[in-house]
Protein backbone atom coordinates (compact mmCIF):
# COMPACT_ATOMS: atom_id res chain seq x y z
CA LEU A 1 -16.48 -24.12 6.08
CA LYS A 2 -17.87 -21.85 3.37
CA GLU A 3 -15.80 -23.67 0.75
CA ILE A 4 -17.16 -27.02 1.93
CA VAL A 5 -20.72 -25.64 1.83
CA ASP A 6 -20.18 -24.29 -1.70
CA THR A 7 -18.90 -27.63 -3.00
CA SER A 8 -21.42 -29.79 -1.14
CA PHE A 9 -24.88 -28.27 -1.51
CA PRO A 10 -27.06 -27.10 -4.38
CA ARG A 11 -27.38 -23.31 -4.57
CA PHE A 12 -30.78 -23.25 -2.83
CA PHE A 13 -29.40 -25.01 0.25
CA ARG A 14 -26.10 -23.09 0.43
CA PHE A 15 -27.82 -20.03 1.83
CA PHE A 16 -29.56 -22.00 4.59
CA ALA A 17 -26.46 -24.03 5.46
CA SER A 18 -24.40 -20.84 5.72
CA GLN A 19 -27.05 -19.14 7.87
CA SER A 20 -27.15 -22.17 10.15
CA LEU A 21 -23.37 -22.25 10.50
CA ASP A 22 -23.33 -18.52 11.31
CA SER A 23 -26.03 -18.97 13.95
CA ALA A 24 -25.07 -19.13 17.61
CA GLU A 25 -27.67 -21.85 18.07
CA GLY A 26 -26.43 -25.40 18.27
CA LYS A 27 -22.92 -26.64 17.79
CA THR A 28 -20.68 -27.32 14.81
CA LEU A 29 -18.36 -30.32 14.88
CA VAL A 30 -15.44 -30.33 12.47
CA ASP A 31 -13.04 -32.98 11.27
CA GLU A 32 -9.51 -31.68 10.79
CA GLN A 33 -6.72 -33.47 8.99
CA ASN A 34 -3.24 -32.00 8.80
CA GLY A 35 -4.54 -28.68 10.13
CA GLU A 36 -7.25 -28.41 7.45
CA VAL A 37 -11.00 -28.65 8.08
CA VAL A 38 -12.24 -31.42 5.78
CA GLY A 39 -15.82 -31.81 7.01
CA PHE A 40 -18.44 -30.60 9.44
CA ALA A 41 -21.70 -31.50 11.10
CA LYS A 42 -24.07 -28.83 12.45
CA LEU A 43 -26.03 -30.04 15.48
CA THR A 44 -29.02 -28.69 17.32
CA ASP A 45 -31.19 -29.88 20.14
CA PHE A 46 -34.72 -29.06 21.20
CA SER A 47 -37.46 -30.02 23.61
CA ALA A 48 -40.90 -31.29 22.71
CA GLY A 49 -43.05 -31.91 25.72
CA LYS A 50 -40.97 -33.51 28.44
CA PHE A 51 -38.35 -35.01 26.14
CA ARG A 52 -35.11 -33.69 24.58
CA TYR A 53 -34.22 -34.47 21.00
CA GLY A 54 -31.24 -33.81 18.80
CA CYS A 55 -30.77 -33.23 15.11
CA ILE A 56 -27.86 -33.31 12.71
CA LEU A 57 -28.89 -30.35 10.56
CA TRP A 58 -26.07 -30.27 8.04
CA LEU A 59 -23.36 -32.76 7.14
CA ALA A 60 -20.73 -32.05 4.50
CA VAL A 61 -17.26 -33.22 3.53
CA GLN A 62 -14.74 -31.64 1.20
CA PRO A 63 -14.88 -33.54 -2.14
CA SER A 64 -11.25 -34.70 -1.95
CA HIS A 65 -11.95 -36.37 1.42
CA ARG A 66 -15.21 -38.13 0.59
CA ARG A 67 -15.52 -41.93 0.81
CA LYS A 68 -12.85 -42.02 3.51
CA GLY A 69 -15.05 -42.32 6.60
CA VAL A 70 -15.13 -38.61 7.46
CA ALA A 71 -18.92 -38.29 7.22
CA SER A 72 -19.49 -41.48 9.22
CA ALA A 73 -17.14 -40.28 11.95
CA LEU A 74 -18.93 -36.92 12.10
CA VAL A 75 -22.35 -38.60 12.32
CA GLN A 76 -21.15 -40.89 15.12
CA ALA A 77 -19.56 -38.00 17.03
CA GLY A 78 -22.72 -35.93 16.52
CA VAL A 79 -24.99 -38.68 17.85
CA GLU A 80 -22.74 -39.21 20.87
CA ASP A 81 -22.62 -35.47 21.61
CA LEU A 82 -26.39 -35.05 21.34
CA LYS A 83 -27.06 -38.15 23.48
CA ARG A 84 -24.62 -36.89 26.14
CA GLY A 85 -26.61 -33.66 26.11
CA GLY A 86 -29.78 -35.57 26.97
CA ALA A 87 -31.31 -36.29 23.55
CA GLU A 88 -33.60 -39.30 23.67
CA ARG A 89 -33.60 -39.59 19.88
CA VAL A 90 -31.52 -38.02 17.13
CA PHE A 91 -32.96 -36.96 13.79
CA ALA A 92 -31.57 -35.91 10.42
CA SER A 93 -33.19 -34.83 7.17
CA VAL A 94 -31.65 -35.72 3.84
CA GLN A 95 -32.62 -34.97 0.25
CA ARG A 96 -34.19 -38.16 -1.08
CA ARG A 97 -31.80 -38.09 -4.09
CA ASN A 98 -28.69 -37.88 -1.90
CA LYS A 99 -27.78 -41.57 -1.94
CA ALA A 100 -24.38 -41.04 -0.29
CA SER A 101 -25.87 -39.26 2.74
CA LEU A 102 -28.70 -41.78 3.02
CA ALA A 103 -26.13 -44.60 3.03
CA THR A 104 -23.95 -42.84 5.61
CA PHE A 105 -26.84 -42.27 7.99
CA GLY A 106 -28.16 -45.79 7.34
CA LYS A 107 -24.81 -47.34 8.32
CA SER A 108 -24.97 -45.28 11.51
CA GLY A 109 -28.32 -46.80 12.52
CA PHE A 110 -30.70 -44.13 11.23
CA GLU A 111 -34.00 -45.25 9.76
CA ARG A 112 -36.58 -43.38 7.72
CA VAL A 113 -39.57 -42.12 9.69
CA GLY A 114 -42.64 -40.74 7.95
CA LEU A 115 -45.29 -38.30 9.01
CA VAL A 116 -47.32 -40.96 10.87
CA GLY A 117 -44.27 -42.00 12.91
CA LEU A 118 -43.44 -38.39 13.69
CA TRP A 119 -47.06 -37.72 14.62
CA ARG A 120 -46.87 -40.59 17.14
CA ILE A 121 -43.80 -39.01 18.73
CA PHE A 122 -44.73 -35.32 18.57
CA GLY A 123 -48.50 -35.10 18.07
CA LEU A 124 -49.43 -31.52 17.17
CA ARG A 125 -45.83 -30.47 17.90
CA VAL A 126 -44.81 -32.19 14.65
CA PHE A 127 -45.01 -28.86 12.82
CA LYS A 128 -42.65 -27.26 15.35
CA PHE A 129 -40.36 -30.24 14.79
CA TYR A 130 -40.32 -29.67 11.02
CA SER A 131 -39.44 -26.00 11.43
CA GLY A 132 -36.79 -26.83 14.04
CA ILE A 133 -34.90 -29.13 11.69
CA TRP A 134 -35.09 -26.73 8.73
CA TYR A 135 -37.09 -29.32 6.81
CA ALA A 136 -37.36 -28.63 3.08
CA PRO A 137 -39.51 -30.26 0.37
CA GLY A 138 -37.94 -33.37 -1.10
CA GLU A 139 -36.28 -34.41 2.13
CA LEU A 140 -36.65 -37.63 4.09
CA VAL A 141 -36.60 -37.56 7.88
CA LEU A 142 -34.35 -40.12 9.49
CA MET A 143 -34.25 -41.11 13.15
CA ARG A 144 -31.89 -42.97 15.43
CA VAL A 145 -33.09 -44.07 18.84
């Protein structure tokens, strides 16, 4: 997984992705092909008020396996896992310049949600939400109902 992190994220994000993967919180889904891990999705879930939510924190695929449906399969599996666990909605945050990730999540039914939309869902808990998804400047929040 470290190799995938190193080839997938800018230096600033590598540290946080590695810390998240090392954390016992949440779950990491992997895609294996021929005994080799070619991609992963780090999932987490949380409560806000009376509802459960899920988040795909990190999504990465080994460069030689990109554009082959690996990321889409991981997103779909992640959404299904989080929904089975009781998540009413599933979120993701993506760097606004990451066109490939935005397209992958878009094909999977995720839509951009801004601060006003998040405020309607979370109210004052919106700041807890941002910290829970490891939100960083320059990211867009996406949501799938």
